[in-house]
């Protein structure tokens, strides 16, 4: 089971301190890896458009929600975008990930 330590953000949200990054996850293996992580207790997933596996991550999350493996409200899903394309990229990420919104964390902002 994954540790349940959390970080308190200036927004008031609690972010799990341990998360699974999907960088370099091969597209065919993404669903199994994400589902295994959920079963192991992960609730924080980190993603970026540059990883080029958005659709597969979205499919894995959608299947997890559909089957009851996880609930969207119990997950902290982050993504990273280039500052010069923030709005367009957030919309694309959410579309590919099949989510209304990801957990936005402006990394350039001071806390």
PDB file of N, CA and C in Angstrom:
ATOM      1  N   UNK A   1       0.843  -1.177   0.000  1.00  0.00           N
ATOM      2  CA  UNK A   1       0.000   0.000   0.000  1.00  0.00           C
ATOM      3  C   UNK A   1       0.888   1.240   0.000  1.00  0.00           C
ATOM      4  N   UNK A   2       0.486   2.243  -0.727  1.00  0.00           N
ATOM      5  CA  UNK A   2       1.237   3.485  -0.847  1.00  0.00           C
ATOM      6  C   UNK A   2       1.030   4.338   0.402  1.00  0.00           C
ATOM      7  N   UNK A   3       2.065   5.031   0.829  1.00  0.00           N
ATOM      8  CA  UNK A   3       1.969   5.928   1.985  1.00  0.00           C
ATOM      9  C   UNK A   3       0.894   6.976   1.726  1.00  0.00           C
ATOM     10  N   UNK A   4       0.219   7.407   2.760  1.00  0.00           N
ATOM     11  CA  UNK A   4      -0.873   8.360   2.598  1.00  0.00           C
ATOM     12  C   UNK A   4      -0.478   9.779   2.975  1.00  0.00           C
ATOM     13  N   UNK A   5       0.800  10.068   3.062  1.00  0.00           N
ATOM     14  CA  UNK A   5       1.245  11.431   3.380  1.00  0.00           C
ATOM     15  C   UNK A   5       0.731  12.392   2.310  1.00  0.00           C
ATOM     16  N   UNK A   6       0.342  13.571   2.753  1.00  0.00           N
ATOM     17  CA  UNK A   6      -0.168  14.575   1.832  1.00  0.00           C
ATOM     18  C   UNK A   6       0.578  15.890   2.017  1.00  0.00           C
ATOM     19  N   UNK A   7       0.536  16.703   0.988  1.00  0.00           N
ATOM     20  CA  UNK A   7       1.096  18.053   1.024  1.00  0.00           C
ATOM     21  C   UNK A   7      -0.073  19.029   0.976  1.00  0.00           C
ATOM     22  N   UNK A   8      -0.064  20.018   1.838  1.00  0.00           N
ATOM     23  CA  UNK A   8      -1.105  21.037   1.836  1.00  0.00           C
ATOM     24  C   UNK A   8      -0.714  22.135   0.862  1.00  0.00           C
ATOM     25  N   UNK A   9      -1.562  22.387  -0.106  1.00  0.00           N
ATOM     26  CA  UNK A   9      -1.306  23.421  -1.106  1.00  0.00           C
ATOM     27  C   UNK A   9      -1.908  24.745  -0.664  1.00  0.00           C
ATOM     28  N   UNK A  10      -1.415  25.836  -1.210  1.00  0.00           N
ATOM     29  CA  UNK A  10      -1.920  27.158  -0.836  1.00  0.00           C
ATOM     30  C   UNK A  10      -3.390  27.323  -1.210  1.00  0.00           C
ATOM     31  N   UNK A  11      -3.894  26.503  -2.128  1.00  0.00           N
ATOM     32  CA  UNK A  11      -5.297  26.546  -2.536  1.00  0.00           C
ATOM     33  C   UNK A  11      -6.207  25.906  -1.487  1.00  0.00           C
ATOM     34  N   UNK A  12      -5.594  25.193  -0.530  1.00  0.00           N
ATOM     35  CA  UNK A  12      -6.366  24.471   0.460  1.00  0.00           C
ATOM     36  C   UNK A  12      -6.519  22.997   0.122  1.00  0.00           C
ATOM     37  N   UNK A  13      -6.183  22.619  -1.093  1.00  0.00           N
ATOM     38  CA  UNK A  13      -6.264  21.217  -1.490  1.00  0.00           C
ATOM     39  C   UNK A  13      -5.136  20.419  -0.849  1.00  0.00           C
ATOM     40  N   UNK A  14      -5.382  19.139  -0.709  1.00  0.00           N
ATOM     41  CA  UNK A  14      -4.386  18.214  -0.191  1.00  0.00           C
ATOM     42  C   UNK A  14      -3.909  17.345  -1.362  1.00  0.00           C
ATOM     43  N   UNK A  15      -2.618  17.332  -1.608  1.00  0.00           N
ATOM     44  CA  UNK A  15      -2.051  16.540  -2.699  1.00  0.00           C
ATOM     45  C   UNK A  15      -1.282  15.364  -2.117  1.00  0.00           C
ATOM     46  N   UNK A  16      -1.593  14.143  -2.559  1.00  0.00           N
ATOM     47  CA  UNK A  16      -0.809  12.994  -2.084  1.00  0.00           C
ATOM     48  C   UNK A  16       0.670  13.214  -2.388  1.00  0.00           C
ATOM     49  N   UNK A  17       1.521  12.948  -1.406  1.00  0.00           N
ATOM     50  CA  UNK A  17       2.960  13.181  -1.554  1.00  0.00           C
ATOM     51  C   UNK A  17       3.609  12.183  -2.507  1.00  0.00           C
ATOM     52  N   UNK A  18       3.004  11.015  -2.643  1.00  0.00           N
ATOM     53  CA  UNK A  18       3.541   9.985  -3.530  1.00  0.00           C
ATOM     54  C   UNK A  18       2.600   9.855  -4.718  1.00  0.00           C
ATOM     55  N   UNK A  19       3.172   9.896  -5.902  1.00  0.00           N
ATOM     56  CA  UNK A  19       2.355   9.766  -7.098  1.00  0.00           C
ATOM     57  C   UNK A  19       3.059   8.930  -8.142  1.00  0.00           C
ATOM     58  N   UNK A  20       2.307   8.509  -9.130  1.00  0.00           N
ATOM     59  CA  UNK A  20       2.856   7.728 -10.228  1.00  0.00           C
ATOM     60  C   UNK A  20       2.939   8.609 -11.465  1.00  0.00           C
ATOM     61  N   UNK A  21       4.140   8.768 -11.983  1.00  0.00           N
ATOM     62  CA  UNK A  21       4.322   9.501 -13.229  1.00  0.00           C
ATOM     63  C   UNK A  21       4.188   8.550 -14.403  1.00  0.00           C
ATOM     64  N   UNK A  22       3.546   9.001 -15.457  1.00  0.00           N
ATOM     65  CA  UNK A  22       3.318   8.122 -16.606  1.00  0.00           C
ATOM     66  C   UNK A  22       4.317   8.375 -17.744  1.00  0.00           C
ATOM     67  N   UNK A  23       5.391   9.131 -17.454  1.00  0.00           N
ATOM     68  CA  UNK A  23       6.422   9.371 -18.455  1.00  0.00           C
ATOM     69  C   UNK A  23       7.061   8.050 -18.848  1.00  0.00           C
ATOM     70  N   UNK A  24       7.239   7.874 -20.124  1.00  0.00           N
ATOM     71  CA  UNK A  24       7.863   6.692 -20.712  1.00  0.00           C
ATOM     72  C   UNK A  24       7.068   5.402 -20.522  1.00  0.00           C
ATOM     73  N   UNK A  25       5.804   5.513 -20.143  1.00  0.00           N
ATOM     74  CA  UNK A  25       4.969   4.318 -20.116  1.00  0.00           C
ATOM     75  C   UNK A  25       4.580   4.017 -21.550  1.00  0.00           C
ATOM     76  N   UNK A  26       4.914   2.839 -21.998  1.00  0.00           N
ATOM     77  CA  UNK A  26       4.570   2.440 -23.358  1.00  0.00           C
ATOM     78  C   UNK A  26       3.050   2.340 -23.479  1.00  0.00           C
ATOM     79  N   UNK A  27       2.531   2.845 -24.577  1.00  0.00           N
ATOM     80  CA  UNK A  27       1.085   2.904 -24.768  1.00  0.00           C
ATOM     81  C   UNK A  27       0.356   1.590 -24.507  1.00  0.00           C
ATOM     82  N   UNK A  28       0.834   0.452 -25.013  1.00  0.00           N
ATOM     83  CA  UNK A  28       0.085  -0.789 -24.781  1.00  0.00           C
ATOM     84  C   UNK A  28       0.027  -1.205 -23.313  1.00  0.00           C
ATOM     85  N   UNK A  29       0.975  -0.788 -22.508  1.00  0.00           N
ATOM     86  CA  UNK A  29       1.048  -1.222 -21.109  1.00  0.00           C
ATOM     87  C   UNK A  29       0.381  -0.257 -20.135  1.00  0.00           C
ATOM     88  N   UNK A  30      -0.034   0.910 -20.612  1.00  0.00           N
ATOM     89  CA  UNK A  30      -0.528   1.966 -19.718  1.00  0.00           C
ATOM     90  C   UNK A  30      -1.698   1.503 -18.864  1.00  0.00           C
ATOM     91  N   UNK A  31      -2.713   0.886 -19.470  1.00  0.00           N
ATOM     92  CA  UNK A  31      -3.906   0.508 -18.707  1.00  0.00           C
ATOM     93  C   UNK A  31      -3.540  -0.414 -17.546  1.00  0.00           C
ATOM     94  N   UNK A  32      -2.779  -1.443 -17.826  1.00  0.00           N
ATOM     95  CA  UNK A  32      -2.405  -2.388 -16.778  1.00  0.00           C
ATOM     96  C   UNK A  32      -1.592  -1.739 -15.675  1.00  0.00           C
ATOM     97  N   UNK A  33      -0.679  -0.859 -16.062  1.00  0.00           N
ATOM     98  CA  UNK A  33       0.158  -0.187 -15.067  1.00  0.00           C
ATOM     99  C   UNK A  33      -0.661   0.733 -14.172  1.00  0.00           C
ATOM    100  N   UNK A  34      -1.565   1.494 -14.776  1.00  0.00           N
ATOM    101  CA  UNK A  34      -2.392   2.412 -13.991  1.00  0.00           C
ATOM    102  C   UNK A  34      -3.342   1.630 -13.085  1.00  0.00           C
ATOM    103  N   UNK A  35      -3.938   0.573 -13.596  1.00  0.00           N
ATOM    104  CA  UNK A  35      -4.860  -0.221 -12.782  1.00  0.00           C
ATOM    105  C   UNK A  35      -4.122  -0.913 -11.633  1.00  0.00           C
ATOM    106  N   UNK A  36      -2.909  -1.389 -11.895  1.00  0.00           N
ATOM    107  CA  UNK A  36      -2.104  -1.989 -10.821  1.00  0.00           C
ATOM    108  C   UNK A  36      -1.769  -0.948  -9.761  1.00  0.00           C
ATOM    109  N   UNK A  37      -1.442   0.261 -10.188  1.00  0.00           N
ATOM    110  CA  UNK A  37      -1.133   1.340  -9.239  1.00  0.00           C
ATOM    111  C   UNK A  37      -2.359   1.687  -8.395  1.00  0.00           C
ATOM    112  N   UNK A  38      -3.529   1.732  -9.017  1.00  0.00           N
ATOM    113  CA  UNK A  38      -4.752   2.010  -8.265  1.00  0.00           C
ATOM    114  C   UNK A  38      -5.012   0.922  -7.228  1.00  0.00           C
ATOM    115  N   UNK A  39      -4.826  -0.323  -7.622  1.00  0.00           N
ATOM    116  CA  UNK A  39      -5.026  -1.430  -6.678  1.00  0.00           C
ATOM    117  C   UNK A  39      -4.002  -1.383  -5.537  1.00  0.00           C
ATOM    118  N   UNK A  40      -2.822  -0.841  -5.821  1.00  0.00           N
ATOM    119  CA  UNK A  40      -1.777  -0.726  -4.796  1.00  0.00           C
ATOM    120  C   UNK A  40      -2.009   0.472  -3.877  1.00  0.00           C
ATOM    121  N   UNK A  41      -2.960   1.340  -4.228  1.00  0.00           N
ATOM    122  CA  UNK A  41      -3.289   2.469  -3.364  1.00  0.00           C
ATOM    123  C   UNK A  41      -2.884   3.835  -3.878  1.00  0.00           C
ATOM    124  N   UNK A  42      -2.312   3.908  -5.072  1.00  0.00           N
ATOM    125  CA  UNK A  42      -1.958   5.220  -5.626  1.00  0.00           C
ATOM    126  C   UNK A  42      -3.224   6.027  -5.894  1.00  0.00           C
ATOM    127  N   UNK A  43      -3.172   7.315  -5.585  1.00  0.00           N
ATOM    128  CA  UNK A  43      -4.298   8.198  -5.895  1.00  0.00           C
ATOM    129  C   UNK A  43      -3.819   9.475  -6.584  1.00  0.00           C
ATOM    130  N   UNK A  44      -2.538   9.583  -6.846  1.00  0.00           N
ATOM    131  CA  UNK A  44      -1.954  10.752  -7.513  1.00  0.00           C
ATOM    132  C   UNK A  44      -1.245  10.266  -8.774  1.00  0.00           C
ATOM    133  N   UNK A  45      -1.666  10.805  -9.913  1.00  0.00           N
ATOM    134  CA  UNK A  45      -1.058  10.453 -11.196  1.00  0.00           C
ATOM    135  C   UNK A  45      -0.572  11.732 -11.866  1.00  0.00           C
ATOM    136  N   UNK A  46       0.651  11.705 -12.322  1.00  0.00           N
ATOM    137  CA  UNK A  46       1.262  12.872 -12.961  1.00  0.00           C
ATOM    138  C   UNK A  46       1.427  12.599 -14.441  1.00  0.00           C
ATOM    139  N   UNK A  47       1.042  13.576 -15.235  1.00  0.00           N
ATOM    140  CA  UNK A  47       1.013  13.427 -16.677  1.00  0.00           C
ATOM    141  C   UNK A  47       1.484  14.706 -17.354  1.00  0.00           C
ATOM    142  N   UNK A  48       1.857  14.618 -18.604  1.00  0.00           N
ATOM    143  CA  UNK A  48       2.164  15.799 -19.428  1.00  0.00           C
ATOM    144  C   UNK A  48       1.890  15.463 -20.884  1.00  0.00           C
ATOM    145  N   UNK A  49       1.496  16.465 -21.626  1.00  0.00           N
ATOM    146  CA  UNK A  49       1.201  16.265 -23.050  1.00  0.00           C
ATOM    147  C   UNK A  49       2.420  15.729 -23.794  1.00  0.00           C
ATOM    148  N   UNK A  50       3.600  16.158 -23.388  1.00  0.00           N
ATOM    149  CA  UNK A  50       4.819  15.721 -24.074  1.00  0.00           C
ATOM    150  C   UNK A  50       5.070  14.218 -23.943  1.00  0.00           C
ATOM    151  N   UNK A  51       4.373  13.539 -23.035  1.00  0.00           N
ATOM    152  CA  UNK A  51       4.574  12.103 -22.856  1.00  0.00           C
ATOM    153  C   UNK A  51       3.952  11.299 -23.995  1.00  0.00           C
ATOM    154  N   UNK A  52       3.021  11.912 -24.718  1.00  0.00           N
ATOM    155  CA  UNK A  52       2.389  11.328 -25.904  1.00  0.00           C
ATOM    156  C   UNK A  52       1.675  10.004 -25.623  1.00  0.00           C
ATOM    157  N   UNK A  53       1.070   9.899 -24.438  1.00  0.00           N
ATOM    158  CA  UNK A  53       0.257   8.724 -24.138  1.00  0.00           C
ATOM    159  C   UNK A  53      -1.063   9.146 -23.466  1.00  0.00           C
ATOM    160  N   UNK A  54      -1.509  10.358 -23.795  1.00  0.00           N
ATOM    161  CA  UNK A  54      -2.711  10.917 -23.187  1.00  0.00           C
ATOM    162  C   UNK A  54      -3.949  10.057 -23.408  1.00  0.00           C
ATOM    163  N   UNK A  55      -4.164   9.637 -24.643  1.00  0.00           N
ATOM    164  CA  UNK A  55      -5.363   8.861 -24.953  1.00  0.00           C
ATOM    165  C   UNK A  55      -5.377   7.553 -24.173  1.00  0.00           C
ATOM    166  N   UNK A  56      -4.231   6.921 -24.064  1.00  0.00           N
ATOM    167  CA  UNK A  56      -4.148   5.653 -23.342  1.00  0.00           C
ATOM    168  C   UNK A  56      -4.373   5.850 -21.845  1.00  0.00           C
ATOM    169  N   UNK A  57      -3.832   6.914 -21.299  1.00  0.00           N
ATOM    170  CA  UNK A  57      -4.053   7.224 -19.882  1.00  0.00           C
ATOM    171  C   UNK A  57      -5.545   7.504 -19.666  1.00  0.00           C
ATOM    172  N   UNK A  58      -6.142   8.274 -20.557  1.00  0.00           N
ATOM    173  CA  UNK A  58      -7.574   8.567 -20.471  1.00  0.00           C
ATOM    174  C   UNK A  58      -8.417   7.308 -20.532  1.00  0.00           C
ATOM    175  N   UNK A  59      -8.072   6.397 -21.441  1.00  0.00           N
ATOM    176  CA  UNK A  59      -8.802   5.126 -21.545  1.00  0.00           C
ATOM    177  C   UNK A  59      -8.678   4.323 -20.251  1.00  0.00           C
ATOM    178  N   UNK A  60      -7.476   4.277 -19.688  1.00  0.00           N
ATOM    179  CA  UNK A  60      -7.248   3.521 -18.450  1.00  0.00           C
ATOM    180  C   UNK A  60      -8.053   4.110 -17.302  1.00  0.00           C
ATOM    181  N   UNK A  61      -8.051   5.443 -17.173  1.00  0.00           N
ATOM    182  CA  UNK A  61      -8.811   6.082 -16.103  1.00  0.00           C
ATOM    183  C   UNK A  61     -10.308   5.879 -16.309  1.00  0.00           C
ATOM    184  N   UNK A  62     -10.784   6.032 -17.540  1.00  0.00           N
ATOM    185  CA  UNK A  62     -12.214   5.844 -17.824  1.00  0.00           C
ATOM    186  C   UNK A  62     -12.659   4.433 -17.455  1.00  0.00           C
ATOM    187  N   UNK A  63     -11.855   3.444 -17.788  1.00  0.00           N
ATOM    188  CA  UNK A  63     -12.182   2.052 -17.462  1.00  0.00           C
ATOM    189  C   UNK A  63     -12.177   1.851 -15.941  1.00  0.00           C
ATOM    190  N   UNK A  64     -11.224   2.467 -15.259  1.00  0.00           N
ATOM    191  CA  UNK A  64     -11.167   2.360 -13.795  1.00  0.00           C
ATOM    192  C   UNK A  64     -12.414   2.968 -13.166  1.00  0.00           C
ATOM    193  N   UNK A  65     -12.890   4.096 -13.687  1.00  0.00           N
ATOM    194  CA  UNK A  65     -14.097   4.731 -13.166  1.00  0.00           C
ATOM    195  C   UNK A  65     -15.320   3.863 -13.471  1.00  0.00           C
ATOM    196  N   UNK A  66     -15.367   3.353 -14.691  1.00  0.00           N
ATOM    197  CA  UNK A  66     -16.504   2.543 -15.154  1.00  0.00           C
ATOM    198  C   UNK A  66     -16.655   1.253 -14.336  1.00  0.00           C
ATOM    199  N   UNK A  67     -15.545   0.636 -14.013  1.00  0.00           N
ATOM    200  CA  UNK A  67     -15.582  -0.646 -13.296  1.00  0.00           C
ATOM    201  C   UNK A  67     -15.622  -0.495 -11.784  1.00  0.00           C
ATOM    202  N   UNK A  68     -15.488   0.733 -11.291  1.00  0.00           N
ATOM    203  CA  UNK A  68     -15.513   0.954  -9.852  1.00  0.00           C
ATOM    204  C   UNK A  68     -14.161   0.780  -9.174  1.00  0.00           C
ATOM    205  N   UNK A  69     -13.126   0.622  -9.968  1.00  0.00           N
ATOM    206  CA  UNK A  69     -11.783   0.495  -9.403  1.00  0.00           C
ATOM    207  C   UNK A  69     -11.372   1.781  -8.694  1.00  0.00           C
ATOM    208  N   UNK A  70     -11.846   2.920  -9.211  1.00  0.00           N
ATOM    209  CA  UNK A  70     -11.533   4.230  -8.617  1.00  0.00           C
ATOM    210  C   UNK A  70     -12.671   5.194  -8.889  1.00  0.00           C
ATOM    211  N   UNK A  71     -12.729   6.242  -8.074  1.00  0.00           N
ATOM    212  CA  UNK A  71     -13.671   7.345  -8.287  1.00  0.00           C
ATOM    213  C   UNK A  71     -12.854   8.572  -8.628  1.00  0.00           C
ATOM    214  N   UNK A  72     -13.325   9.363  -9.575  1.00  0.00           N
ATOM    215  CA  UNK A  72     -12.591  10.561  -9.992  1.00  0.00           C
ATOM    216  C   UNK A  72     -12.303  11.481  -8.820  1.00  0.00           C
ATOM    217  N   UNK A  73     -13.292  11.648  -7.945  1.00  0.00           N
ATOM    218  CA  UNK A  73     -13.122  12.587  -6.837  1.00  0.00           C
ATOM    219  C   UNK A  73     -12.077  12.136  -5.825  1.00  0.00           C
ATOM    220  N   UNK A  74     -11.660  10.885  -5.899  1.00  0.00           N
ATOM    221  CA  UNK A  74     -10.640  10.377  -4.976  1.00  0.00           C
ATOM    222  C   UNK A  74      -9.226  10.469  -5.545  1.00  0.00           C
ATOM    223  N   UNK A  75      -9.112  10.932  -6.794  1.00  0.00           N
ATOM    224  CA  UNK A  75      -7.799  10.980  -7.442  1.00  0.00           C
ATOM    225  C   UNK A  75      -7.309  12.409  -7.609  1.00  0.00           C
ATOM    226  N   UNK A  76      -6.014  12.580  -7.557  1.00  0.00           N
ATOM    227  CA  UNK A  76      -5.346  13.852  -7.815  1.00  0.00           C
ATOM    228  C   UNK A  76      -4.546  13.643  -9.093  1.00  0.00           C
ATOM    229  N   UNK A  77      -5.014  14.228 -10.189  1.00  0.00           N
ATOM    230  CA  UNK A  77      -4.386  14.015 -11.497  1.00  0.00           C
ATOM    231  C   UNK A  77      -3.794  15.333 -11.965  1.00  0.00           C
ATOM    232  N   UNK A  78      -2.496  15.334 -12.157  1.00  0.00           N
ATOM    233  CA  UNK A  78      -1.820  16.558 -12.570  1.00  0.00           C
ATOM    234  C   UNK A  78      -1.301  16.410 -13.996  1.00  0.00           C
ATOM    235  N   UNK A  79      -1.129  17.543 -14.635  1.00  0.00           N
ATOM    236  CA  UNK A  79      -0.545  17.583 -15.960  1.00  0.00           C
ATOM    237  C   UNK A  79       0.324  18.830 -16.039  1.00  0.00           C
ATOM    238  N   UNK A  80       1.221  18.839 -16.974  1.00  0.00           N
ATOM    239  CA  UNK A  80       2.094  19.992 -17.155  1.00  0.00           C
ATOM    240  C   UNK A  80       1.935  20.495 -18.579  1.00  0.00           C
ATOM    241  N   UNK A  81       1.907  21.793 -18.714  1.00  0.00           N
ATOM    242  CA  UNK A  81       1.760  22.400 -20.037  1.00  0.00           C
ATOM    243  C   UNK A  81       2.763  23.537 -20.191  1.00  0.00           C
ATOM    244  N   UNK A  82       3.037  23.873 -21.429  1.00  0.00           N
ATOM    245  CA  UNK A  82       3.906  25.013 -21.701  1.00  0.00           C
ATOM    246  C   UNK A  82       3.123  26.292 -21.419  1.00  0.00           C
ATOM    247  N   UNK A  83       3.723  27.224 -20.738  1.00  0.00           N
ATOM    248  CA  UNK A  83       3.029  28.434 -20.304  1.00  0.00           C
ATOM    249  C   UNK A  83       2.425  29.218 -21.473  1.00  0.00           C
ATOM    250  N   UNK A  84       3.038  29.165 -22.642  1.00  0.00           N
ATOM    251  CA  UNK A  84       2.539  29.948 -23.768  1.00  0.00           C
ATOM    252  C   UNK A  84       1.329  29.294 -24.443  1.00  0.00           C
ATOM    253  N   UNK A  85       0.963  28.098 -24.039  1.00  0.00           N
ATOM    254  CA  UNK A  85      -0.207  27.435 -24.621  1.00  0.00           C
ATOM    255  C   UNK A  85      -1.129  26.864 -23.540  1.00  0.00           C
ATOM    256  N   UNK A  86      -1.160  27.498 -22.391  1.00  0.00           N
ATOM    257  CA  UNK A  86      -1.850  26.937 -21.227  1.00  0.00           C
ATOM    258  C   UNK A  86      -3.308  26.575 -21.501  1.00  0.00           C
ATOM    259  N   UNK A  87      -4.121  27.506 -21.926  1.00  0.00           N
ATOM    260  CA  UNK A  87      -5.556  27.246 -22.084  1.00  0.00           C
ATOM    261  C   UNK A  87      -5.811  26.154 -23.115  1.00  0.00           C
ATOM    262  N   UNK A  88      -5.188  26.263 -24.267  1.00  0.00           N
ATOM    263  CA  UNK A  88      -5.377  25.254 -25.316  1.00  0.00           C
ATOM    264  C   UNK A  88      -4.917  23.891 -24.830  1.00  0.00           C
ATOM    265  N   UNK A  89      -3.778  23.832 -24.171  1.00  0.00           N
ATOM    266  CA  UNK A  89      -3.229  22.550 -23.740  1.00  0.00           C
ATOM    267  C   UNK A  89      -4.062  21.924 -22.626  1.00  0.00           C
ATOM    268  N   UNK A  90      -4.553  22.716 -21.696  1.00  0.00           N
ATOM    269  CA  UNK A  90      -5.392  22.169 -20.627  1.00  0.00           C
ATOM    270  C   UNK A  90      -6.643  21.544 -21.230  1.00  0.00           C
ATOM    271  N   UNK A  91      -7.258  22.230 -22.174  1.00  0.00           N
ATOM    272  CA  UNK A  91      -8.457  21.679 -22.824  1.00  0.00           C
ATOM    273  C   UNK A  91      -8.140  20.375 -23.550  1.00  0.00           C
ATOM    274  N   UNK A  92      -7.014  20.348 -24.257  1.00  0.00           N
ATOM    275  CA  UNK A  92      -6.616  19.127 -24.956  1.00  0.00           C
ATOM    276  C   UNK A  92      -6.351  17.998 -23.976  1.00  0.00           C
ATOM    277  N   UNK A  93      -5.606  18.291 -22.906  1.00  0.00           N
ATOM    278  CA  UNK A  93      -5.296  17.262 -21.914  1.00  0.00           C
ATOM    279  C   UNK A  93      -6.572  16.684 -21.317  1.00  0.00           C
ATOM    280  N   UNK A  94      -7.501  17.547 -20.931  1.00  0.00           N
ATOM    281  CA  UNK A  94      -8.745  17.084 -20.333  1.00  0.00           C
ATOM    282  C   UNK A  94      -9.555  16.252 -21.318  1.00  0.00           C
ATOM    283  N   UNK A  95      -9.555  16.657 -22.561  1.00  0.00           N
ATOM    284  CA  UNK A  95     -10.262  15.900 -23.594  1.00  0.00           C
ATOM    285  C   UNK A  95      -9.650  14.516 -23.744  1.00  0.00           C
ATOM    286  N   UNK A  96      -8.343  14.451 -23.920  1.00  0.00           N
ATOM    287  CA  UNK A  96      -7.664  13.166 -24.071  1.00  0.00           C
ATOM    288  C   UNK A  96      -7.811  12.307 -22.823  1.00  0.00           C
ATOM    289  N   UNK A  97      -7.710  12.924 -21.654  1.00  0.00           N
ATOM    290  CA  UNK A  97      -7.790  12.184 -20.401  1.00  0.00           C
ATOM    291  C   UNK A  97      -9.227  11.868 -20.012  1.00  0.00           C
ATOM    292  N   UNK A  98     -10.188  12.390 -20.798  1.00  0.00           N
ATOM    293  CA  UNK A  98     -11.615  12.189 -20.541  1.00  0.00           C
ATOM    294  C   UNK A  98     -12.026  12.731 -19.178  1.00  0.00           C
ATOM    295  N   UNK A  99     -11.497  13.903 -18.841  1.00  0.00           N
ATOM    296  CA  UNK A  99     -11.795  14.539 -17.561  1.00  0.00           C
ATOM    297  C   UNK A  99     -12.311  15.946 -17.804  1.00  0.00           C
ATOM    298  N   UNK A 100     -13.150  16.428 -16.899  1.00  0.00           N
ATOM    299  CA  UNK A 100     -13.586  17.814 -16.981  1.00  0.00           C
ATOM    300  C   UNK A 100     -12.454  18.760 -16.627  1.00  0.00           C
ATOM    301  N   UNK A 101     -11.620  18.355 -15.658  1.00  0.00           N
ATOM    302  CA  UNK A 101     -10.526  19.200 -15.209  1.00  0.00           C
ATOM    303  C   UNK A 101      -9.461  18.335 -14.548  1.00  0.00           C
ATOM    304  N   UNK A 102      -8.223  18.734 -14.692  1.00  0.00           N
ATOM    305  CA  UNK A 102      -7.145  18.104 -13.941  1.00  0.00           C
ATOM    306  C   UNK A 102      -6.862  18.978 -12.734  1.00  0.00           C
ATOM    307  N   UNK A 103      -6.034  18.513 -11.861  1.00  0.00           N
ATOM    308  CA  UNK A 103      -5.657  19.287 -10.685  1.00  0.00           C
ATOM    309  C   UNK A 103      -4.577  20.278 -11.118  1.00  0.00           C
ATOM    310  N   UNK A 104      -4.944  21.536 -11.278  1.00  0.00           N
ATOM    311  CA  UNK A 104      -4.032  22.535 -11.819  1.00  0.00           C
ATOM    312  C   UNK A 104      -3.077  23.015 -10.740  1.00  0.00           C
ATOM    313  N   UNK A 105      -1.810  22.925 -11.016  1.00  0.00           N
ATOM    314  CA  UNK A 105      -0.783  23.374 -10.081  1.00  0.00           C
ATOM    315  C   UNK A 105       0.193  24.250 -10.852  1.00  0.00           C
ATOM    316  N   UNK A 106       0.060  25.574 -10.738  1.00  0.00           N
ATOM    317  CA  UNK A 106       0.959  26.456 -11.473  1.00  0.00           C
ATOM    318  C   UNK A 106       2.362  26.378 -10.884  1.00  0.00           C
ATOM    319  N   UNK A 107       3.241  25.664 -11.564  1.00  0.00           N
ATOM    320  CA  UNK A 107       4.574  25.437 -11.034  1.00  0.00           C
ATOM    321  C   UNK A 107       5.437  26.697 -11.041  1.00  0.00           C
ATOM    322  N   UNK A 108       5.041  27.690 -11.799  1.00  0.00           N
ATOM    323  CA  UNK A 108       5.837  28.915 -11.852  1.00  0.00           C
ATOM    324  C   UNK A 108       5.425  29.885 -10.741  1.00  0.00           C
ATOM    325  N   UNK A 109       4.330  29.599 -10.035  1.00  0.00           N
ATOM    326  CA  UNK A 109       3.849  30.501  -8.984  1.00  0.00           C
ATOM    327  C   UNK A 109       4.595  30.243  -7.679  1.00  0.00           C
ATOM    328  N   UNK A 110       4.786  31.268  -6.938  1.00  0.00           N
ATOM    329  CA  UNK A 110       5.411  31.140  -5.620  1.00  0.00           C
ATOM    330  C   UNK A 110       4.342  30.805  -4.597  1.00  0.00           C
ATOM    331  N   UNK A 111       4.707  29.975  -3.617  1.00  0.00           N
ATOM    332  CA  UNK A 111       3.727  29.623  -2.578  1.00  0.00           C
ATOM    333  C   UNK A 111       4.072  30.329  -1.282  1.00  0.00           C
TER     334      UNK A 111
END
